[in-house]
Amino acid sequence: MAHHQSAKKKIRQIEARRLHNKFYARTTRNAVRALRAMSVKSEAETMFPKVAKMLDKLAKTNVIHANKAANLKSSLAKHVNQLS
């Protein structure tokens, strides 16, 4: 258990950051899942930039690795382009 005030504050900060990161990571994962489930090309094309932006933000703040974001964006772009 933390005894110093600074250690207690650090624990509070870490917990708040963890919940914040968890929320945005979960929201992005759901958006990726929704985009993969789409079968209409026009809807997918309008949603793809939003999802790509979400992935870029997660990578920028180190919630996910930059390469993972790039791989997801690449596979999603491939999926959108294959739709008819």
N, C-alpha and C. Protein backbone atom coordinates (compact mmCIF):
# COMPACT_ATOMS: atom_id res chain seq x y z
N MET A 1 0.85 -1.19 0.00
CA MET A 1 0.00 0.00 0.00
C MET A 1 0.89 1.25 0.00
N ALA A 2 0.46 2.24 -0.75
CA ALA A 2 1.23 3.48 -0.85
C ALA A 2 1.11 4.29 0.44
N HIS A 3 2.23 4.83 0.88
CA HIS A 3 2.23 5.62 2.11
C HIS A 3 2.41 7.10 1.85
N HIS A 4 3.04 7.45 0.73
CA HIS A 4 3.30 8.85 0.43
C HIS A 4 2.17 9.43 -0.41
N GLN A 5 1.95 10.72 -0.25
CA GLN A 5 0.89 11.40 -0.99
C GLN A 5 1.12 11.31 -2.50
N SER A 6 2.39 11.45 -2.90
CA SER A 6 2.69 11.40 -4.33
C SER A 6 2.41 10.01 -4.91
N ALA A 7 2.66 8.98 -4.13
CA ALA A 7 2.40 7.61 -4.59
C ALA A 7 0.90 7.37 -4.71
N LYS A 8 0.14 7.91 -3.78
CA LYS A 8 -1.33 7.77 -3.84
C LYS A 8 -1.89 8.50 -5.05
N LYS A 9 -1.34 9.70 -5.31
CA LYS A 9 -1.78 10.46 -6.48
C LYS A 9 -1.45 9.72 -7.77
N LYS A 10 -0.26 9.12 -7.82
CA LYS A 10 0.16 8.38 -9.01
C LYS A 10 -0.79 7.21 -9.27
N ILE A 11 -1.22 6.54 -8.22
CA ILE A 11 -2.18 5.43 -8.35
C ILE A 11 -3.50 5.93 -8.93
N ARG A 12 -3.96 7.08 -8.44
CA ARG A 12 -5.20 7.66 -8.96
C ARG A 12 -5.05 8.02 -10.44
N GLN A 13 -3.92 8.60 -10.80
CA GLN A 13 -3.69 8.99 -12.19
C GLN A 13 -3.65 7.77 -13.11
N ILE A 14 -2.97 6.73 -12.67
CA ILE A 14 -2.85 5.52 -13.48
C ILE A 14 -4.22 4.89 -13.71
N GLU A 15 -5.04 4.85 -12.67
CA GLU A 15 -6.37 4.25 -12.78
C GLU A 15 -7.25 5.06 -13.74
N ALA A 16 -7.18 6.37 -13.65
CA ALA A 16 -7.97 7.23 -14.54
C ALA A 16 -7.52 7.04 -15.98
N ARG A 17 -6.21 6.98 -16.20
CA ARG A 17 -5.67 6.80 -17.54
C ARG A 17 -6.04 5.43 -18.10
N ARG A 18 -6.01 4.41 -17.24
CA ARG A 18 -6.35 3.05 -17.66
C ARG A 18 -7.80 2.97 -18.12
N LEU A 19 -8.70 3.60 -17.37
CA LEU A 19 -10.12 3.59 -17.75
C LEU A 19 -10.36 4.37 -19.04
N HIS A 20 -9.67 5.49 -19.19
CA HIS A 20 -9.77 6.30 -20.39
C HIS A 20 -9.30 5.51 -21.62
N ASN A 21 -8.12 4.88 -21.50
CA ASN A 21 -7.57 4.09 -22.60
C ASN A 21 -8.46 2.91 -22.93
N LYS A 22 -8.99 2.26 -21.89
CA LYS A 22 -9.86 1.09 -22.08
C LYS A 22 -11.12 1.48 -22.85
N PHE A 23 -11.70 2.63 -22.52
CA PHE A 23 -12.91 3.10 -23.20
C PHE A 23 -12.65 3.34 -24.68
N TYR A 24 -11.58 4.07 -24.99
CA TYR A 24 -11.31 4.40 -26.38
C TYR A 24 -10.85 3.18 -27.19
N ALA A 25 -10.12 2.27 -26.56
CA ALA A 25 -9.70 1.06 -27.25
C ALA A 25 -10.92 0.19 -27.56
N ARG A 26 -11.84 0.07 -26.61
CA ARG A 26 -13.05 -0.73 -26.80
C ARG A 26 -13.93 -0.11 -27.88
N THR A 27 -14.09 1.21 -27.86
CA THR A 27 -14.90 1.91 -28.86
C THR A 27 -14.32 1.70 -30.25
N THR A 28 -13.02 1.79 -30.37
CA THR A 28 -12.37 1.59 -31.67
C THR A 28 -12.51 0.14 -32.14
N ARG A 29 -12.34 -0.82 -31.21
CA ARG A 29 -12.51 -2.22 -31.58
C ARG A 29 -13.91 -2.49 -32.10
N ASN A 30 -14.92 -1.90 -31.46
CA ASN A 30 -16.29 -2.08 -31.92
C ASN A 30 -16.49 -1.44 -33.30
N ALA A 31 -15.87 -0.30 -33.54
CA ALA A 31 -15.98 0.36 -34.84
C ALA A 31 -15.33 -0.49 -35.93
N VAL A 32 -14.18 -1.08 -35.62
CA VAL A 32 -13.49 -1.96 -36.58
C VAL A 32 -14.37 -3.16 -36.90
N ARG A 33 -14.96 -3.73 -35.86
CA ARG A 33 -15.84 -4.88 -36.03
C ARG A 33 -17.05 -4.52 -36.90
N ALA A 34 -17.61 -3.33 -36.66
CA ALA A 34 -18.77 -2.89 -37.44
C ALA A 34 -18.40 -2.66 -38.90
N LEU A 35 -17.22 -2.11 -39.13
CA LEU A 35 -16.78 -1.86 -40.50
C LEU A 35 -16.53 -3.17 -41.24
N ARG A 36 -15.96 -4.14 -40.54
CA ARG A 36 -15.74 -5.45 -41.17
C ARG A 36 -17.05 -6.15 -41.51
N ALA A 37 -18.10 -5.87 -40.74
CA ALA A 37 -19.39 -6.52 -40.96
C ALA A 37 -20.19 -5.86 -42.09
N MET A 38 -19.77 -4.67 -42.52
CA MET A 38 -20.51 -3.96 -43.57
C MET A 38 -20.37 -4.65 -44.91
N SER A 39 -21.47 -4.61 -45.67
CA SER A 39 -21.43 -5.20 -47.01
C SER A 39 -21.79 -4.19 -48.09
N VAL A 40 -22.18 -2.98 -47.70
CA VAL A 40 -22.51 -1.92 -48.66
C VAL A 40 -21.28 -1.01 -48.78
N LYS A 41 -20.77 -0.89 -49.99
CA LYS A 41 -19.52 -0.16 -50.21
C LYS A 41 -19.62 1.32 -49.85
N SER A 42 -20.73 1.97 -50.20
CA SER A 42 -20.84 3.41 -49.94
C SER A 42 -20.82 3.71 -48.44
N GLU A 43 -21.48 2.88 -47.64
CA GLU A 43 -21.47 3.07 -46.19
C GLU A 43 -20.08 2.82 -45.62
N ALA A 44 -19.43 1.77 -46.12
CA ALA A 44 -18.10 1.44 -45.65
C ALA A 44 -17.09 2.54 -45.99
N GLU A 45 -17.23 3.12 -47.17
CA GLU A 45 -16.32 4.19 -47.58
C GLU A 45 -16.48 5.44 -46.72
N THR A 46 -17.69 5.71 -46.25
CA THR A 46 -17.88 6.87 -45.38
C THR A 46 -17.39 6.60 -43.96
N MET A 47 -17.46 5.34 -43.53
CA MET A 47 -17.04 5.00 -42.17
C MET A 47 -15.54 4.78 -42.05
N PHE A 48 -14.89 4.36 -43.13
CA PHE A 48 -13.46 4.02 -43.07
C PHE A 48 -12.58 5.17 -42.58
N PRO A 49 -12.73 6.41 -43.07
CA PRO A 49 -11.86 7.49 -42.56
C PRO A 49 -12.03 7.74 -41.06
N LYS A 50 -13.25 7.58 -40.56
CA LYS A 50 -13.48 7.78 -39.13
C LYS A 50 -12.76 6.72 -38.31
N VAL A 51 -12.84 5.48 -38.76
CA VAL A 51 -12.16 4.38 -38.05
C VAL A 51 -10.65 4.54 -38.14
N ALA A 52 -10.15 4.94 -39.30
CA ALA A 52 -8.71 5.15 -39.47
C ALA A 52 -8.22 6.26 -38.54
N LYS A 53 -9.02 7.29 -38.39
CA LYS A 53 -8.66 8.39 -37.49
C LYS A 53 -8.60 7.90 -36.05
N MET A 54 -9.56 7.06 -35.67
CA MET A 54 -9.56 6.51 -34.31
C MET A 54 -8.31 5.67 -34.06
N LEU A 55 -7.95 4.85 -35.04
CA LEU A 55 -6.76 4.01 -34.91
C LEU A 55 -5.50 4.85 -34.81
N ASP A 56 -5.42 5.91 -35.60
CA ASP A 56 -4.25 6.79 -35.56
C ASP A 56 -4.11 7.47 -34.20
N LYS A 57 -5.24 7.88 -33.61
CA LYS A 57 -5.19 8.51 -32.30
C LYS A 57 -4.72 7.53 -31.23
N LEU A 58 -5.19 6.29 -31.31
CA LEU A 58 -4.75 5.29 -30.33
C LEU A 58 -3.26 5.01 -30.47
N ALA A 59 -2.78 4.97 -31.71
CA ALA A 59 -1.36 4.73 -31.93
C ALA A 59 -0.52 5.91 -31.45
N LYS A 60 -1.03 7.11 -31.67
CA LYS A 60 -0.28 8.31 -31.27
C LYS A 60 -0.10 8.39 -29.76
N THR A 61 -1.11 7.94 -29.02
CA THR A 61 -1.04 7.99 -27.56
C THR A 61 -0.53 6.68 -26.96
N ASN A 62 -0.01 5.79 -27.81
CA ASN A 62 0.58 4.51 -27.39
C ASN A 62 -0.39 3.59 -26.67
N VAL A 63 -1.67 3.69 -26.98
CA VAL A 63 -2.63 2.73 -26.44
C VAL A 63 -2.48 1.41 -27.21
N ILE A 64 -2.29 1.53 -28.53
CA ILE A 64 -1.93 0.36 -29.34
C ILE A 64 -0.64 0.70 -30.07
N HIS A 65 0.05 -0.31 -30.54
CA HIS A 65 1.31 -0.10 -31.25
C HIS A 65 1.03 0.49 -32.64
N ALA A 66 1.93 1.30 -33.12
CA ALA A 66 1.77 1.96 -34.42
C ALA A 66 1.65 0.95 -35.55
N ASN A 67 2.41 -0.14 -35.47
CA ASN A 67 2.34 -1.17 -36.51
C ASN A 67 0.99 -1.87 -36.52
N LYS A 68 0.42 -2.08 -35.34
CA LYS A 68 -0.90 -2.71 -35.26
C LYS A 68 -1.93 -1.81 -35.92
N ALA A 69 -1.86 -0.51 -35.67
CA ALA A 69 -2.79 0.43 -36.29
C ALA A 69 -2.64 0.40 -37.80
N ALA A 70 -1.39 0.37 -38.27
CA ALA A 70 -1.14 0.33 -39.71
C ALA A 70 -1.68 -0.95 -40.33
N ASN A 71 -1.48 -2.08 -39.65
CA ASN A 71 -1.97 -3.36 -40.16
C ASN A 71 -3.49 -3.39 -40.21
N LEU A 72 -4.14 -2.85 -39.18
CA LEU A 72 -5.60 -2.81 -39.16
C LEU A 72 -6.14 -1.91 -40.27
N LYS A 73 -5.52 -0.74 -40.43
CA LYS A 73 -5.96 0.18 -41.48
C LYS A 73 -5.80 -0.44 -42.86
N SER A 74 -4.70 -1.14 -43.06
CA SER A 74 -4.44 -1.79 -44.34
C SER A 74 -5.48 -2.86 -44.64
N SER A 75 -5.75 -3.70 -43.65
CA SER A 75 -6.72 -4.78 -43.88
C SER A 75 -8.13 -4.24 -44.05
N LEU A 76 -8.46 -3.16 -43.35
CA LEU A 76 -9.79 -2.55 -43.51
C LEU A 76 -9.93 -1.89 -44.88
N ALA A 77 -8.86 -1.24 -45.35
CA ALA A 77 -8.90 -0.63 -46.68
C ALA A 77 -9.07 -1.70 -47.74
N LYS A 78 -8.40 -2.81 -47.56
CA LYS A 78 -8.53 -3.93 -48.49
C LYS A 78 -9.96 -4.45 -48.49
N HIS A 79 -10.56 -4.56 -47.32
CA HIS A 79 -11.95 -5.02 -47.19
C HIS A 79 -12.91 -4.06 -47.90
N VAL A 80 -12.73 -2.76 -47.67
CA VAL A 80 -13.62 -1.76 -48.28
C VAL A 80 -13.49 -1.79 -49.80
N ASN A 81 -12.28 -1.94 -50.31
CA ASN A 81 -12.06 -1.95 -51.76
C ASN A 81 -12.61 -3.20 -52.43
N GLN A 82 -12.72 -4.29 -51.69
CA GLN A 82 -13.24 -5.53 -52.27
C GLN A 82 -14.77 -5.56 -52.31
N LEU A 83 -15.40 -4.66 -51.58
CA LEU A 83 -16.87 -4.64 -51.59
C LEU A 83 -17.37 -4.18 -52.96
N SER A 84 -18.57 -4.69 -53.31
CA SER A 84 -19.12 -4.27 -54.60
C SER A 84 -20.45 -3.57 -54.42
